[in-house]
């Protein structure tokens, strides 16, 4: 079915709907638009050495130390 015909049918159906149903239809339309954006191809951004001046060769010890620093107070309450 041609898109123009479908649009016309949707318009006619919406114009006959009760006002309280329009918000639900709008939520559905927003959901469909969201799904379409998720399907569209993502633009790839190449970093091309952007972080080359930083030291990124982390050891297991570095990672363990960082974990301790981040999570050592987890679950504790402070007064």
PDB file of N, CA and C in Angstrom:
ATOM      1  N   UNK A   1       0.846  -1.177   0.000  1.00  0.00           N
ATOM      2  CA  UNK A   1       0.000   0.000   0.000  1.00  0.00           C
ATOM      3  C   UNK A   1       0.894   1.244   0.000  1.00  0.00           C
ATOM      4  N   UNK A   2       0.526   2.218  -0.740  1.00  0.00           N
ATOM      5  CA  UNK A   2       1.315   3.445  -0.883  1.00  0.00           C
ATOM      6  C   UNK A   2       1.313   4.250   0.427  1.00  0.00           C
ATOM      7  N   UNK A   3       2.442   4.871   0.724  1.00  0.00           N
ATOM      8  CA  UNK A   3       2.608   5.611   1.977  1.00  0.00           C
ATOM      9  C   UNK A   3       1.577   6.726   2.126  1.00  0.00           C
ATOM     10  N   UNK A   4       1.258   7.426   1.043  1.00  0.00           N
ATOM     11  CA  UNK A   4       0.288   8.528   1.125  1.00  0.00           C
ATOM     12  C   UNK A   4      -1.091   8.011   1.529  1.00  0.00           C
ATOM     13  N   UNK A   5      -1.450   6.850   1.023  1.00  0.00           N
ATOM     14  CA  UNK A   5      -2.753   6.260   1.365  1.00  0.00           C
ATOM     15  C   UNK A   5      -2.769   5.853   2.832  1.00  0.00           C
ATOM     16  N   UNK A   6      -1.673   5.256   3.292  1.00  0.00           N
ATOM     17  CA  UNK A   6      -1.590   4.850   4.704  1.00  0.00           C
ATOM     18  C   UNK A   6      -1.664   6.074   5.602  1.00  0.00           C
ATOM     19  N   UNK A   7      -0.959   7.138   5.245  1.00  0.00           N
ATOM     20  CA  UNK A   7      -1.003   8.373   6.056  1.00  0.00           C
ATOM     21  C   UNK A   7      -2.430   8.901   6.149  1.00  0.00           C
ATOM     22  N   UNK A   8      -3.140   8.891   5.036  1.00  0.00           N
ATOM     23  CA  UNK A   8      -4.522   9.376   5.022  1.00  0.00           C
ATOM     24  C   UNK A   8      -5.409   8.513   5.917  1.00  0.00           C
ATOM     25  N   UNK A   9      -5.223   7.193   5.861  1.00  0.00           N
ATOM     26  CA  UNK A   9      -6.016   6.299   6.712  1.00  0.00           C
ATOM     27  C   UNK A   9      -5.708   6.535   8.192  1.00  0.00           C
ATOM     28  N   UNK A  10      -4.436   6.726   8.497  1.00  0.00           N
ATOM     29  CA  UNK A  10      -4.050   7.004   9.887  1.00  0.00           C
ATOM     30  C   UNK A  10      -4.662   8.317  10.344  1.00  0.00           C
ATOM     31  N   UNK A  11      -4.595   9.347   9.487  1.00  0.00           N
ATOM     32  CA  UNK A  11      -5.151  10.651   9.840  1.00  0.00           C
ATOM     33  C   UNK A  11      -6.643  10.535  10.127  1.00  0.00           C
ATOM     34  N   UNK A  12      -7.369   9.823   9.262  1.00  0.00           N
ATOM     35  CA  UNK A  12      -8.821   9.660   9.462  1.00  0.00           C
ATOM     36  C   UNK A  12      -9.111   8.910  10.763  1.00  0.00           C
ATOM     37  N   UNK A  13      -8.347   7.847  11.005  1.00  0.00           N
ATOM     38  CA  UNK A  13      -8.564   7.066  12.223  1.00  0.00           C
ATOM     39  C   UNK A  13      -8.279   7.914  13.465  1.00  0.00           C
ATOM     40  N   UNK A  14      -7.191   8.710  13.428  1.00  0.00           N
ATOM     41  CA  UNK A  14      -6.850   9.554  14.579  1.00  0.00           C
ATOM     42  C   UNK A  14      -7.911  10.616  14.825  1.00  0.00           C
ATOM     43  N   UNK A  15      -8.446  11.171  13.763  1.00  0.00           N
ATOM     44  CA  UNK A  15      -9.440  12.229  13.946  1.00  0.00           C
ATOM     45  C   UNK A  15     -10.729  11.696  14.562  1.00  0.00           C
ATOM     46  N   UNK A  16     -10.969  10.398  14.489  1.00  0.00           N
ATOM     47  CA  UNK A  16     -12.178   9.799  15.068  1.00  0.00           C
ATOM     48  C   UNK A  16     -11.944   9.228  16.466  1.00  0.00           C
ATOM     49  N   UNK A  17     -10.695   9.212  16.912  1.00  0.00           N
ATOM     50  CA  UNK A  17     -10.387   8.631  18.224  1.00  0.00           C
ATOM     51  C   UNK A  17     -10.773   9.581  19.346  1.00  0.00           C
ATOM     52  N   UNK A  18     -11.150   9.016  20.500  1.00  0.00           N
ATOM     53  CA  UNK A  18     -11.422   9.874  21.661  1.00  0.00           C
ATOM     54  C   UNK A  18     -10.130  10.519  22.166  1.00  0.00           C
ATOM     55  N   UNK A  19     -10.271  11.686  22.718  1.00  0.00           N
ATOM     56  CA  UNK A  19      -9.104  12.451  23.187  1.00  0.00           C
ATOM     57  C   UNK A  19      -8.241  11.660  24.166  1.00  0.00           C
ATOM     58  N   UNK A  20      -8.860  10.882  25.047  1.00  0.00           N
ATOM     59  CA  UNK A  20      -8.086  10.173  26.065  1.00  0.00           C
ATOM     60  C   UNK A  20      -7.186   9.092  25.454  1.00  0.00           C
ATOM     61  N   UNK A  21      -7.435   8.680  24.231  1.00  0.00           N
ATOM     62  CA  UNK A  21      -6.603   7.663  23.581  1.00  0.00           C
ATOM     63  C   UNK A  21      -5.419   8.263  22.824  1.00  0.00           C
ATOM     64  N   UNK A  22      -5.459   9.533  22.552  1.00  0.00           N
ATOM     65  CA  UNK A  22      -4.405  10.157  21.745  1.00  0.00           C
ATOM     66  C   UNK A  22      -3.040  10.115  22.420  1.00  0.00           C
ATOM     67  N   UNK A  23      -2.999  10.250  23.730  1.00  0.00           N
ATOM     68  CA  UNK A  23      -1.714  10.204  24.437  1.00  0.00           C
ATOM     69  C   UNK A  23      -1.068   8.833  24.268  1.00  0.00           C
ATOM     70  N   UNK A  24      -1.881   7.778  24.306  1.00  0.00           N
ATOM     71  CA  UNK A  24      -1.342   6.431  24.127  1.00  0.00           C
ATOM     72  C   UNK A  24      -0.822   6.239  22.703  1.00  0.00           C
ATOM     73  N   UNK A  25      -1.531   6.769  21.736  1.00  0.00           N
ATOM     74  CA  UNK A  25      -1.078   6.685  20.344  1.00  0.00           C
ATOM     75  C   UNK A  25       0.237   7.445  20.190  1.00  0.00           C
ATOM     76  N   UNK A  26       0.335   8.603  20.810  1.00  0.00           N
ATOM     77  CA  UNK A  26       1.563   9.393  20.723  1.00  0.00           C
ATOM     78  C   UNK A  26       2.747   8.642  21.320  1.00  0.00           C
ATOM     79  N   UNK A  27       2.536   7.971  22.450  1.00  0.00           N
ATOM     80  CA  UNK A  27       3.600   7.167  23.052  1.00  0.00           C
ATOM     81  C   UNK A  27       4.058   6.062  22.101  1.00  0.00           C
ATOM     82  N   UNK A  28       3.108   5.439  21.416  1.00  0.00           N
ATOM     83  CA  UNK A  28       3.448   4.393  20.459  1.00  0.00           C
ATOM     84  C   UNK A  28       4.249   4.966  19.288  1.00  0.00           C
ATOM     85  N   UNK A  29       3.849   6.117  18.789  1.00  0.00           N
ATOM     86  CA  UNK A  29       4.576   6.763  17.692  1.00  0.00           C
ATOM     87  C   UNK A  29       6.004   7.077  18.121  1.00  0.00           C
ATOM     88  N   UNK A  30       6.190   7.594  19.331  1.00  0.00           N
ATOM     89  CA  UNK A  30       7.536   7.885  19.824  1.00  0.00           C
ATOM     90  C   UNK A  30       8.363   6.612  19.933  1.00  0.00           C
ATOM     91  N   UNK A  31       7.733   5.510  20.354  1.00  0.00           N
ATOM     92  CA  UNK A  31       8.428   4.233  20.454  1.00  0.00           C
ATOM     93  C   UNK A  31       8.896   3.758  19.074  1.00  0.00           C
ATOM     94  N   UNK A  32       8.039   3.841  18.083  1.00  0.00           N
ATOM     95  CA  UNK A  32       8.401   3.439  16.722  1.00  0.00           C
ATOM     96  C   UNK A  32       9.549   4.297  16.197  1.00  0.00           C
ATOM     97  N   UNK A  33       9.500   5.602  16.449  1.00  0.00           N
ATOM     98  CA  UNK A  33      10.588   6.486  16.015  1.00  0.00           C
ATOM     99  C   UNK A  33      11.895   6.117  16.698  1.00  0.00           C
ATOM    100  N   UNK A  34      11.830   5.781  17.991  1.00  0.00           N
ATOM    101  CA  UNK A  34      13.014   5.358  18.736  1.00  0.00           C
ATOM    102  C   UNK A  34      13.605   4.092  18.128  1.00  0.00           C
ATOM    103  N   UNK A  35      12.760   3.102  17.843  1.00  0.00           N
ATOM    104  CA  UNK A  35      13.227   1.852  17.231  1.00  0.00           C
ATOM    105  C   UNK A  35      13.908   2.119  15.894  1.00  0.00           C
ATOM    106  N   UNK A  36      13.344   3.010  15.100  1.00  0.00           N
ATOM    107  CA  UNK A  36      13.944   3.325  13.797  1.00  0.00           C
ATOM    108  C   UNK A  36      15.318   3.957  13.953  1.00  0.00           C
ATOM    109  N   UNK A  37      15.476   4.801  14.953  1.00  0.00           N
ATOM    110  CA  UNK A  37      16.790   5.422  15.186  1.00  0.00           C
ATOM    111  C   UNK A  37      17.815   4.380  15.608  1.00  0.00           C
ATOM    112  N   UNK A  38      17.376   3.358  16.354  1.00  0.00           N
ATOM    113  CA  UNK A  38      18.288   2.307  16.798  1.00  0.00           C
ATOM    114  C   UNK A  38      18.757   1.449  15.634  1.00  0.00           C
ATOM    115  N   UNK A  39      17.928   1.297  14.624  1.00  0.00           N
ATOM    116  CA  UNK A  39      18.269   0.480  13.465  1.00  0.00           C
ATOM    117  C   UNK A  39      19.200   1.192  12.492  1.00  0.00           C
ATOM    118  N   UNK A  40      19.170   2.510  12.497  1.00  0.00           N
ATOM    119  CA  UNK A  40      19.982   3.251  11.539  1.00  0.00           C
ATOM    120  C   UNK A  40      21.464   3.027  11.817  1.00  0.00           C
ATOM    121  N   UNK A  41      22.272   2.984  10.763  1.00  0.00           N
ATOM    122  CA  UNK A  41      23.703   2.728  10.962  1.00  0.00           C
ATOM    123  C   UNK A  41      24.355   3.819  11.803  1.00  0.00           C
ATOM    124  N   UNK A  42      25.216   3.400  12.680  1.00  0.00           N
ATOM    125  CA  UNK A  42      25.924   4.336  13.554  1.00  0.00           C
ATOM    126  C   UNK A  42      27.120   4.933  12.819  1.00  0.00           C
ATOM    127  N   UNK A  43      27.377   6.180  13.094  1.00  0.00           N
ATOM    128  CA  UNK A  43      28.534   6.846  12.511  1.00  0.00           C
ATOM    129  C   UNK A  43      29.771   6.455  13.309  1.00  0.00           C
ATOM    130  N   UNK A  44      30.772   5.970  12.631  1.00  0.00           N
ATOM    131  CA  UNK A  44      32.009   5.551  13.281  1.00  0.00           C
ATOM    132  C   UNK A  44      32.943   6.747  13.385  1.00  0.00           C
ATOM    133  N   UNK A  45      33.442   6.961  14.576  1.00  0.00           N
ATOM    134  CA  UNK A  45      34.398   8.047  14.794  1.00  0.00           C
ATOM    135  C   UNK A  45      35.745   7.399  15.076  1.00  0.00           C
ATOM    136  N   UNK A  46      36.711   7.659  14.224  1.00  0.00           N
ATOM    137  CA  UNK A  46      38.038   7.082  14.398  1.00  0.00           C
ATOM    138  C   UNK A  46      38.849   7.975  15.331  1.00  0.00           C
ATOM    139  N   UNK A  47      39.452   7.370  16.330  1.00  0.00           N
ATOM    140  CA  UNK A  47      40.212   8.134  17.309  1.00  0.00           C
ATOM    141  C   UNK A  47      41.628   8.428  16.840  1.00  0.00           C
ATOM    142  N   UNK A  48      42.167   7.612  15.975  1.00  0.00           N
ATOM    143  CA  UNK A  48      43.445   7.878  15.317  1.00  0.00           C
ATOM    144  C   UNK A  48      44.560   8.378  16.217  1.00  0.00           C
ATOM    145  N   UNK A  49      44.845   7.691  17.293  1.00  0.00           N
ATOM    146  CA  UNK A  49      45.958   8.076  18.156  1.00  0.00           C
ATOM    147  C   UNK A  49      45.634   9.173  19.143  1.00  0.00           C
ATOM    148  N   UNK A  50      44.363   9.454  19.355  1.00  0.00           N
ATOM    149  CA  UNK A  50      43.950  10.523  20.258  1.00  0.00           C
ATOM    150  C   UNK A  50      44.528  10.354  21.666  1.00  0.00           C
ATOM    151  N   UNK A  51      44.671   9.103  22.097  1.00  0.00           N
ATOM    152  CA  UNK A  51      45.168   8.837  23.456  1.00  0.00           C
ATOM    153  C   UNK A  51      46.630   8.392  23.472  1.00  0.00           C
ATOM    154  N   UNK A  52      47.346   8.594  22.381  1.00  0.00           N
ATOM    155  CA  UNK A  52      48.712   8.076  22.274  1.00  0.00           C
ATOM    156  C   UNK A  52      49.683   8.693  23.283  1.00  0.00           C
ATOM    157  N   UNK A  53      49.404   9.871  23.770  1.00  0.00           N
ATOM    158  CA  UNK A  53      50.319  10.509  24.724  1.00  0.00           C
ATOM    159  C   UNK A  53      50.113  10.023  26.163  1.00  0.00           C
ATOM    160  N   UNK A  54      49.087   9.178  26.377  1.00  0.00           N
ATOM    161  CA  UNK A  54      48.801   8.672  27.711  1.00  0.00           C
ATOM    162  C   UNK A  54      49.332   7.259  27.889  1.00  0.00           C
ATOM    163  N   UNK A  55      49.711   6.936  29.127  1.00  0.00           N
ATOM    164  CA  UNK A  55      50.167   5.586  29.455  1.00  0.00           C
ATOM    165  C   UNK A  55      48.943   4.696  29.626  1.00  0.00           C
ATOM    166  N   UNK A  56      48.780   3.739  28.734  1.00  0.00           N
ATOM    167  CA  UNK A  56      47.609   2.873  28.787  1.00  0.00           C
ATOM    168  C   UNK A  56      47.979   1.406  28.956  1.00  0.00           C
ATOM    169  N   UNK A  57      49.195   1.132  29.354  1.00  0.00           N
ATOM    170  CA  UNK A  57      49.624  -0.256  29.547  1.00  0.00           C
ATOM    171  C   UNK A  57      49.452  -0.630  31.021  1.00  0.00           C
ATOM    172  N   UNK A  58      48.206  -0.885  31.425  1.00  0.00           N
ATOM    173  CA  UNK A  58      47.879  -1.183  32.807  1.00  0.00           C
ATOM    174  C   UNK A  58      48.243  -2.623  33.146  1.00  0.00           C
ATOM    175  N   UNK A  59      48.776  -2.811  34.344  1.00  0.00           N
ATOM    176  CA  UNK A  59      49.078  -4.155  34.830  1.00  0.00           C
ATOM    177  C   UNK A  59      47.899  -4.649  35.660  1.00  0.00           C
ATOM    178  N   UNK A  60      47.899  -5.937  35.966  1.00  0.00           N
ATOM    179  CA  UNK A  60      46.871  -6.496  36.845  1.00  0.00           C
ATOM    180  C   UNK A  60      46.905  -5.804  38.205  1.00  0.00           C
ATOM    181  N   UNK A  61      48.101  -5.463  38.646  1.00  0.00           N
ATOM    182  CA  UNK A  61      48.256  -4.772  39.932  1.00  0.00           C
ATOM    183  C   UNK A  61      47.612  -3.384  39.883  1.00  0.00           C
ATOM    184  N   UNK A  62      47.809  -2.665  38.773  1.00  0.00           N
ATOM    185  CA  UNK A  62      47.187  -1.342  38.612  1.00  0.00           C
ATOM    186  C   UNK A  62      45.665  -1.444  38.694  1.00  0.00           C
ATOM    187  N   UNK A  63      45.112  -2.440  38.020  1.00  0.00           N
ATOM    188  CA  UNK A  63      43.666  -2.614  38.000  1.00  0.00           C
ATOM    189  C   UNK A  63      43.149  -2.981  39.381  1.00  0.00           C
ATOM    190  N   UNK A  64      43.851  -3.866  40.083  1.00  0.00           N
ATOM    191  CA  UNK A  64      43.452  -4.257  41.433  1.00  0.00           C
ATOM    192  C   UNK A  64      43.483  -3.058  42.381  1.00  0.00           C
ATOM    193  N   UNK A  65      44.507  -2.235  42.261  1.00  0.00           N
ATOM    194  CA  UNK A  65      44.623  -1.038  43.101  1.00  0.00           C
ATOM    195  C   UNK A  65      43.480  -0.068  42.825  1.00  0.00           C
ATOM    196  N   UNK A  66      43.163   0.132  41.557  1.00  0.00           N
ATOM    197  CA  UNK A  66      42.069   1.037  41.187  1.00  0.00           C
ATOM    198  C   UNK A  66      40.732   0.516  41.717  1.00  0.00           C
ATOM    199  N   UNK A  67      40.527  -0.792  41.636  1.00  0.00           N
ATOM    200  CA  UNK A  67      39.296  -1.379  42.168  1.00  0.00           C
ATOM    201  C   UNK A  67      39.177  -1.132  43.666  1.00  0.00           C
ATOM    202  N   UNK A  68      40.266  -1.321  44.386  1.00  0.00           N
ATOM    203  CA  UNK A  68      40.236  -1.080  45.824  1.00  0.00           C
ATOM    204  C   UNK A  68      39.908   0.369  46.141  1.00  0.00           C
ATOM    205  N   UNK A  69      40.506   1.290  45.391  1.00  0.00           N
ATOM    206  CA  UNK A  69      40.260   2.711  45.625  1.00  0.00           C
ATOM    207  C   UNK A  69      38.799   3.078  45.350  1.00  0.00           C
ATOM    208  N   UNK A  70      38.229   2.479  44.309  1.00  0.00           N
ATOM    209  CA  UNK A  70      36.855   2.825  43.942  1.00  0.00           C
ATOM    210  C   UNK A  70      35.816   2.173  44.842  1.00  0.00           C
ATOM    211  N   UNK A  71      36.067   0.950  45.272  1.00  0.00           N
ATOM    212  CA  UNK A  71      35.036   0.171  45.931  1.00  0.00           C
ATOM    213  C   UNK A  71      35.266  -0.057  47.423  1.00  0.00           C
ATOM    214  N   UNK A  72      36.297   0.507  48.018  1.00  0.00           N
ATOM    215  CA  UNK A  72      36.599   0.181  49.419  1.00  0.00           C
ATOM    216  C   UNK A  72      35.509   0.601  50.390  1.00  0.00           C
ATOM    217  N   UNK A  73      34.711   1.613  50.074  1.00  0.00           N
ATOM    218  CA  UNK A  73      33.650   2.065  50.988  1.00  0.00           C
ATOM    219  C   UNK A  73      32.284   1.528  50.606  1.00  0.00           C
ATOM    220  N   UNK A  74      32.213   0.641  49.660  1.00  0.00           N
ATOM    221  CA  UNK A  74      30.924   0.126  49.212  1.00  0.00           C
ATOM    222  C   UNK A  74      30.164  -0.512  50.359  1.00  0.00           C
ATOM    223  N   UNK A  75      28.956  -0.074  50.567  1.00  0.00           N
ATOM    224  CA  UNK A  75      28.123  -0.650  51.621  1.00  0.00           C
ATOM    225  C   UNK A  75      28.283  -0.012  52.973  1.00  0.00           C
ATOM    226  N   UNK A  76      29.270   0.835  53.138  1.00  0.00           N
ATOM    227  CA  UNK A  76      29.480   1.481  54.425  1.00  0.00           C
ATOM    228  C   UNK A  76      28.601   2.731  54.525  1.00  0.00           C
ATOM    229  N   UNK A  77      28.128   3.011  55.689  1.00  0.00           N
ATOM    230  CA  UNK A  77      27.369   4.233  55.913  1.00  0.00           C
ATOM    231  C   UNK A  77      28.235   5.204  56.687  1.00  0.00           C
ATOM    232  N   UNK A  78      28.112   6.461  56.328  1.00  0.00           N
ATOM    233  CA  UNK A  78      28.900   7.501  56.985  1.00  0.00           C
ATOM    234  C   UNK A  78      27.983   8.386  57.802  1.00  0.00           C
ATOM    235  N   UNK A  79      28.470   8.758  58.976  1.00  0.00           N
ATOM    236  CA  UNK A  79      27.668   9.622  59.875  1.00  0.00           C
ATOM    237  C   UNK A  79      28.182  11.029  59.815  1.00  0.00           C
TER     238      UNK A  79
END
